């Protein structure tokens, strides 16, 4: 199961840390997942801005 979840609704990205058993504590793996998601959001925003 992924430690970081992401969803998009109405041009807004929602990111959730999904580690209830560790009280949503950040470990290295969680931080890397979060970094990758943020980079993906930036790429989507950049490509969206190029279209409009």
N, C-alpha and C. Protein backbone atom coordinates (compact mmCIF):
# COMPACT_ATOMS: atom_id res chain seq x y z
N UNK A 1 0.84 -1.17 0.00
CA UNK A 1 0.00 0.00 0.00
C UNK A 1 0.89 1.24 0.00
N UNK A 2 0.48 2.24 -0.78
CA UNK A 2 1.24 3.48 -0.88
C UNK A 2 1.13 4.28 0.42
N UNK A 3 2.22 4.91 0.79
CA UNK A 3 2.23 5.72 2.01
C UNK A 3 1.72 7.14 1.75
N UNK A 4 1.69 7.53 0.47
CA UNK A 4 1.21 8.85 0.09
C UNK A 4 0.18 8.68 -1.02
N UNK A 5 -0.98 9.29 -0.83
CA UNK A 5 -2.06 9.19 -1.81
C UNK A 5 -2.28 10.56 -2.45
N UNK A 6 -2.69 10.56 -3.73
CA UNK A 6 -2.96 11.81 -4.41
C UNK A 6 -4.22 11.67 -5.24
N UNK A 7 -5.02 12.71 -5.24
CA UNK A 7 -6.20 12.77 -6.08
C UNK A 7 -6.32 14.17 -6.65
N UNK A 8 -7.02 14.30 -7.78
CA UNK A 8 -7.23 15.60 -8.41
C UNK A 8 -8.72 15.77 -8.62
N UNK A 9 -9.23 16.94 -8.23
CA UNK A 9 -10.64 17.26 -8.43
C UNK A 9 -10.75 18.75 -8.71
N UNK A 10 -11.37 19.08 -9.83
CA UNK A 10 -11.57 20.48 -10.21
C UNK A 10 -10.26 21.27 -10.22
N UNK A 11 -9.23 20.72 -10.83
CA UNK A 11 -7.93 21.36 -10.97
C UNK A 11 -7.20 21.56 -9.64
N UNK A 12 -7.60 20.85 -8.59
CA UNK A 12 -6.90 20.90 -7.31
C UNK A 12 -6.33 19.52 -7.00
N UNK A 13 -5.10 19.47 -6.56
CA UNK A 13 -4.48 18.21 -6.17
C UNK A 13 -4.58 18.06 -4.65
N UNK A 14 -5.00 16.89 -4.22
CA UNK A 14 -5.10 16.56 -2.80
C UNK A 14 -4.08 15.47 -2.50
N UNK A 15 -3.19 15.75 -1.55
CA UNK A 15 -2.15 14.80 -1.17
C UNK A 15 -2.39 14.41 0.29
N UNK A 16 -2.39 13.09 0.54
CA UNK A 16 -2.65 12.58 1.88
C UNK A 16 -1.52 11.65 2.31
N UNK A 17 -0.96 11.90 3.48
CA UNK A 17 0.00 10.97 4.07
C UNK A 17 -0.82 9.84 4.68
N UNK A 18 -0.56 8.60 4.26
CA UNK A 18 -1.39 7.46 4.62
C UNK A 18 -0.62 6.49 5.52
N UNK A 19 -0.32 6.93 6.74
CA UNK A 19 0.44 6.10 7.68
C UNK A 19 -0.18 6.21 9.06
N UNK A 20 -1.43 5.87 9.18
CA UNK A 20 -2.13 6.00 10.46
C UNK A 20 -1.44 5.25 11.58
N UNK A 21 -0.91 4.06 11.29
CA UNK A 21 -0.30 3.24 12.34
C UNK A 21 0.94 3.91 12.92
N UNK A 22 1.59 4.82 12.17
CA UNK A 22 2.75 5.56 12.68
C UNK A 22 2.39 7.02 12.91
N UNK A 23 1.12 7.33 13.09
CA UNK A 23 0.64 8.70 13.31
C UNK A 23 1.13 9.63 12.21
N UNK A 24 1.14 9.11 10.96
CA UNK A 24 1.54 9.86 9.77
C UNK A 24 2.97 10.39 9.83
N UNK A 25 3.83 9.67 10.54
CA UNK A 25 5.24 10.01 10.64
C UNK A 25 5.92 9.90 9.28
N UNK A 26 6.79 10.84 8.95
CA UNK A 26 7.54 10.82 7.69
C UNK A 26 8.79 9.96 7.87
N UNK A 27 8.92 8.92 7.09
CA UNK A 27 10.21 8.23 7.01
C UNK A 27 10.78 8.56 5.62
N UNK A 28 11.96 8.05 5.32
CA UNK A 28 12.61 8.39 4.05
C UNK A 28 11.75 7.97 2.86
N UNK A 29 11.18 6.78 2.91
CA UNK A 29 10.36 6.28 1.80
C UNK A 29 9.13 7.18 1.57
N UNK A 30 8.51 7.62 2.65
CA UNK A 30 7.36 8.52 2.54
C UNK A 30 7.78 9.85 1.92
N UNK A 31 8.92 10.37 2.34
CA UNK A 31 9.42 11.62 1.80
C UNK A 31 9.71 11.52 0.31
N UNK A 32 10.28 10.40 -0.13
CA UNK A 32 10.56 10.19 -1.55
C UNK A 32 9.25 10.12 -2.34
N UNK A 33 8.26 9.39 -1.82
CA UNK A 33 6.95 9.32 -2.48
C UNK A 33 6.33 10.70 -2.60
N UNK A 34 6.40 11.48 -1.53
CA UNK A 34 5.83 12.83 -1.54
C UNK A 34 6.55 13.71 -2.56
N UNK A 35 7.86 13.61 -2.61
CA UNK A 35 8.65 14.39 -3.58
C UNK A 35 8.24 14.03 -5.01
N UNK A 36 8.09 12.75 -5.30
CA UNK A 36 7.69 12.32 -6.64
C UNK A 36 6.30 12.82 -7.01
N UNK A 37 5.39 12.80 -6.06
CA UNK A 37 4.04 13.28 -6.32
C UNK A 37 4.06 14.78 -6.59
N UNK A 38 4.80 15.54 -5.79
CA UNK A 38 4.88 16.99 -6.00
C UNK A 38 5.49 17.31 -7.36
N UNK A 39 6.52 16.58 -7.76
CA UNK A 39 7.12 16.79 -9.08
C UNK A 39 6.12 16.48 -10.18
N UNK A 40 5.32 15.43 -10.01
CA UNK A 40 4.29 15.10 -10.99
C UNK A 40 3.23 16.19 -11.08
N UNK A 41 2.86 16.76 -9.94
CA UNK A 41 1.88 17.85 -9.93
C UNK A 41 2.45 19.06 -10.67
N UNK A 42 3.72 19.35 -10.44
CA UNK A 42 4.34 20.49 -11.13
C UNK A 42 4.37 20.27 -12.64
N UNK A 43 4.66 19.05 -13.07
CA UNK A 43 4.67 18.75 -14.50
C UNK A 43 3.28 18.90 -15.10
N UNK A 44 2.26 18.41 -14.39
CA UNK A 44 0.88 18.56 -14.88
C UNK A 44 0.51 20.02 -15.00
N UNK A 45 0.85 20.82 -13.99
CA UNK A 45 0.52 22.25 -14.00
C UNK A 45 1.24 22.96 -15.14
N UNK A 46 2.49 22.60 -15.38
CA UNK A 46 3.26 23.21 -16.46
C UNK A 46 2.64 22.86 -17.81
N UNK A 47 2.30 21.60 -18.02
CA UNK A 47 1.73 21.21 -19.30
C UNK A 47 0.34 21.82 -19.48
N UNK A 48 -0.41 21.97 -18.40
CA UNK A 48 -1.73 22.60 -18.47
C UNK A 48 -1.59 24.07 -18.85
N UNK A 49 -0.60 24.75 -18.26
CA UNK A 49 -0.42 26.17 -18.55
C UNK A 49 0.02 26.39 -19.99
N UNK A 50 0.75 25.45 -20.57
CA UNK A 50 1.19 25.55 -21.96
C UNK A 50 0.00 25.41 -22.92
N UNK A 51 -1.01 24.63 -22.53
CA UNK A 51 -2.18 24.43 -23.38
C UNK A 51 -3.08 25.65 -23.38
N UNK A 52 -3.08 26.40 -22.29
CA UNK A 52 -4.00 27.55 -22.17
C UNK A 52 -3.27 28.83 -22.31
